Amino acid sequence: MESPCILVCVIDPQTKYCFGCGRTGDEIASWTSYTPELRREIMDGLPARLETVVRKPRRETKRRRMAHERQGD
């Protein structure tokens, strides 16, 4: 079954679209019950949806911070 999932399953609180694929929570939950035609129709609109998702900057992890500190020494 064709799916746009990229295993980044977090919903943007503003747009209600998944940060990874652009689907809504309801679409994700119902995906396997959709016809191939409906899945394709939704997938065709996902690039435009993803343009509206507000992406937060990645948080610096402790490991990355420590690596930056070592490089600065």
C-alpha atoms as a PDB file:
ATOM      1  CA  MET A   1       0.000   0.000   0.000  1.00  0.00           C
ATOM      2  CA  GLU A   2       1.360   3.381  -0.987  1.00  0.00           C
ATOM      3  CA  SER A   3       1.935   5.765   1.924  1.00  0.00           C
ATOM      4  CA  PRO A   4       3.661   9.138   2.358  1.00  0.00           C
ATOM      5  CA  CYS A   5       4.805   8.253   5.889  1.00  0.00           C
ATOM      6  CA  ILE A   6       8.473   9.007   6.620  1.00  0.00           C
ATOM      7  CA  LEU A   7       8.280   7.975  10.307  1.00  0.00           C
ATOM      8  CA  VAL A   8       8.215  11.558  11.612  1.00  0.00           C
ATOM      9  CA  CYS A   9       4.834  11.323  13.309  1.00  0.00           C
ATOM     10  CA  VAL A  10       4.320  14.663  15.048  1.00  0.00           C
ATOM     11  CA  ILE A  11       1.300  16.873  14.424  1.00  0.00           C
ATOM     12  CA  ASP A  12       1.825  20.630  14.011  1.00  0.00           C
ATOM     13  CA  PRO A  13      -0.508  22.244  16.590  1.00  0.00           C
ATOM     14  CA  GLN A  14      -1.307  25.176  14.283  1.00  0.00           C
ATOM     15  CA  THR A  15      -2.085  23.469  10.980  1.00  0.00           C
ATOM     16  CA  LYS A  16      -2.979  20.018  12.392  1.00  0.00           C
ATOM     17  CA  TYR A  17      -0.791  18.437   9.705  1.00  0.00           C
ATOM     18  CA  CYS A  18       1.925  15.888  10.415  1.00  0.00           C
ATOM     19  CA  PHE A  19       5.416  17.449  10.240  1.00  0.00           C
ATOM     20  CA  GLY A  20       6.656  14.426   8.296  1.00  0.00           C
ATOM     21  CA  CYS A  21       3.985  13.609   5.742  1.00  0.00           C
ATOM     22  CA  GLY A  22       1.439  16.429   5.831  1.00  0.00           C
ATOM     23  CA  ARG A  23      -1.578  14.270   6.609  1.00  0.00           C
ATOM     24  CA  THR A  24      -4.081  15.040   9.379  1.00  0.00           C
ATOM     25  CA  GLY A  25      -4.437  12.731  12.348  1.00  0.00           C
ATOM     26  CA  ASP A  26      -7.751  11.470  10.993  1.00  0.00           C
ATOM     27  CA  GLU A  27      -6.183  10.729   7.609  1.00  0.00           C
ATOM     28  CA  ILE A  28      -3.332   8.840   9.246  1.00  0.00           C
ATOM     29  CA  ALA A  29      -5.738   6.792  11.376  1.00  0.00           C
ATOM     30  CA  SER A  30      -8.029   5.973   8.435  1.00  0.00           C
ATOM     31  CA  TRP A  31      -5.351   5.531   5.766  1.00  0.00           C
ATOM     32  CA  THR A  32      -5.717   1.750   5.414  1.00  0.00           C
ATOM     33  CA  SER A  33      -9.481   2.019   4.883  1.00  0.00           C
ATOM     34  CA  TYR A  34      -9.191   4.574   2.055  1.00  0.00           C
ATOM     35  CA  THR A  35      -9.417   3.564  -1.586  1.00  0.00           C
ATOM     36  CA  PRO A  36      -6.216   3.824  -3.622  1.00  0.00           C
ATOM     37  CA  GLU A  37      -7.809   6.707  -5.523  1.00  0.00           C
ATOM     38  CA  LEU A  38      -8.544   8.667  -2.341  1.00  0.00           C
ATOM     39  CA  ARG A  39      -5.027   8.004  -0.997  1.00  0.00           C
ATOM     40  CA  ARG A  40      -3.539   9.296  -4.284  1.00  0.00           C
ATOM     41  CA  GLU A  41      -5.776  12.387  -4.190  1.00  0.00           C
ATOM     42  CA  ILE A  42      -4.633  13.184  -0.646  1.00  0.00           C
ATOM     43  CA  MET A  43      -0.985  12.509  -1.497  1.00  0.00           C
ATOM     44  CA  ASP A  44      -1.148  14.870  -4.462  1.00  0.00           C
ATOM     45  CA  GLY A  45      -2.037  17.719  -2.080  1.00  0.00           C
ATOM     46  CA  LEU A  46       0.578  16.976   0.583  1.00  0.00           C
ATOM     47  CA  PRO A  47       3.439  19.121  -0.808  1.00  0.00           C
ATOM     48  CA  ALA A  48       1.231  22.221  -0.583  1.00  0.00           C
ATOM     49  CA  ARG A  49       0.203  21.314   2.956  1.00  0.00           C
ATOM     50  CA  LEU A  50       3.797  20.836   4.064  1.00  0.00           C
ATOM     51  CA  GLU A  51       4.576  24.363   2.881  1.00  0.00           C
ATOM     52  CA  THR A  52       2.165  25.662   5.552  1.00  0.00           C
ATOM     53  CA  VAL A  53       3.681  23.690   8.441  1.00  0.00           C
ATOM     54  CA  VAL A  54       5.715  25.857  10.789  1.00  0.00           C
ATOM     55  CA  ARG A  55       8.869  23.918  11.490  1.00  0.00           C
ATOM     56  CA  LYS A  56      10.573  24.559  14.784  1.00  0.00           C
ATOM     57  CA  PRO A  57      14.362  24.695  14.781  1.00  0.00           C
ATOM     58  CA  ARG A  58      15.920  21.467  15.953  1.00  0.00           C
ATOM     59  CA  ARG A  59      16.769  21.418  19.607  1.00  0.00           C
ATOM     60  CA  GLU A  60      20.434  21.072  20.414  1.00  0.00           C
ATOM     61  CA  THR A  61      21.030  17.776  22.195  1.00  0.00           C
ATOM     62  CA  LYS A  62      23.443  17.364  25.079  1.00  0.00           C
ATOM     63  CA  ARG A  63      25.673  15.199  22.872  1.00  0.00           C
ATOM     64  CA  ARG A  64      25.830  17.874  20.150  1.00  0.00           C
ATOM     65  CA  ARG A  65      26.466  20.645  22.687  1.00  0.00           C
ATOM     66  CA  MET A  66      29.334  18.674  24.240  1.00  0.00           C
ATOM     67  CA  ALA A  67      30.832  18.059  20.773  1.00  0.00           C
ATOM     68  CA  HIS A  68      30.706  21.807  20.030  1.00  0.00           C
ATOM     69  CA  GLU A  69      32.392  22.543  23.357  1.00  0.00           C
ATOM     70  CA  ARG A  70      35.185  20.040  22.607  1.00  0.00           C
ATOM     71  CA  GLN A  71      35.761  21.575  19.176  1.00  0.00           C
ATOM     72  CA  GLY A  72      36.056  25.022  20.734  1.00  0.00           C
ATOM     73  CA  ASP A  73      38.895  23.948  23.091  1.00  0.00           C
END
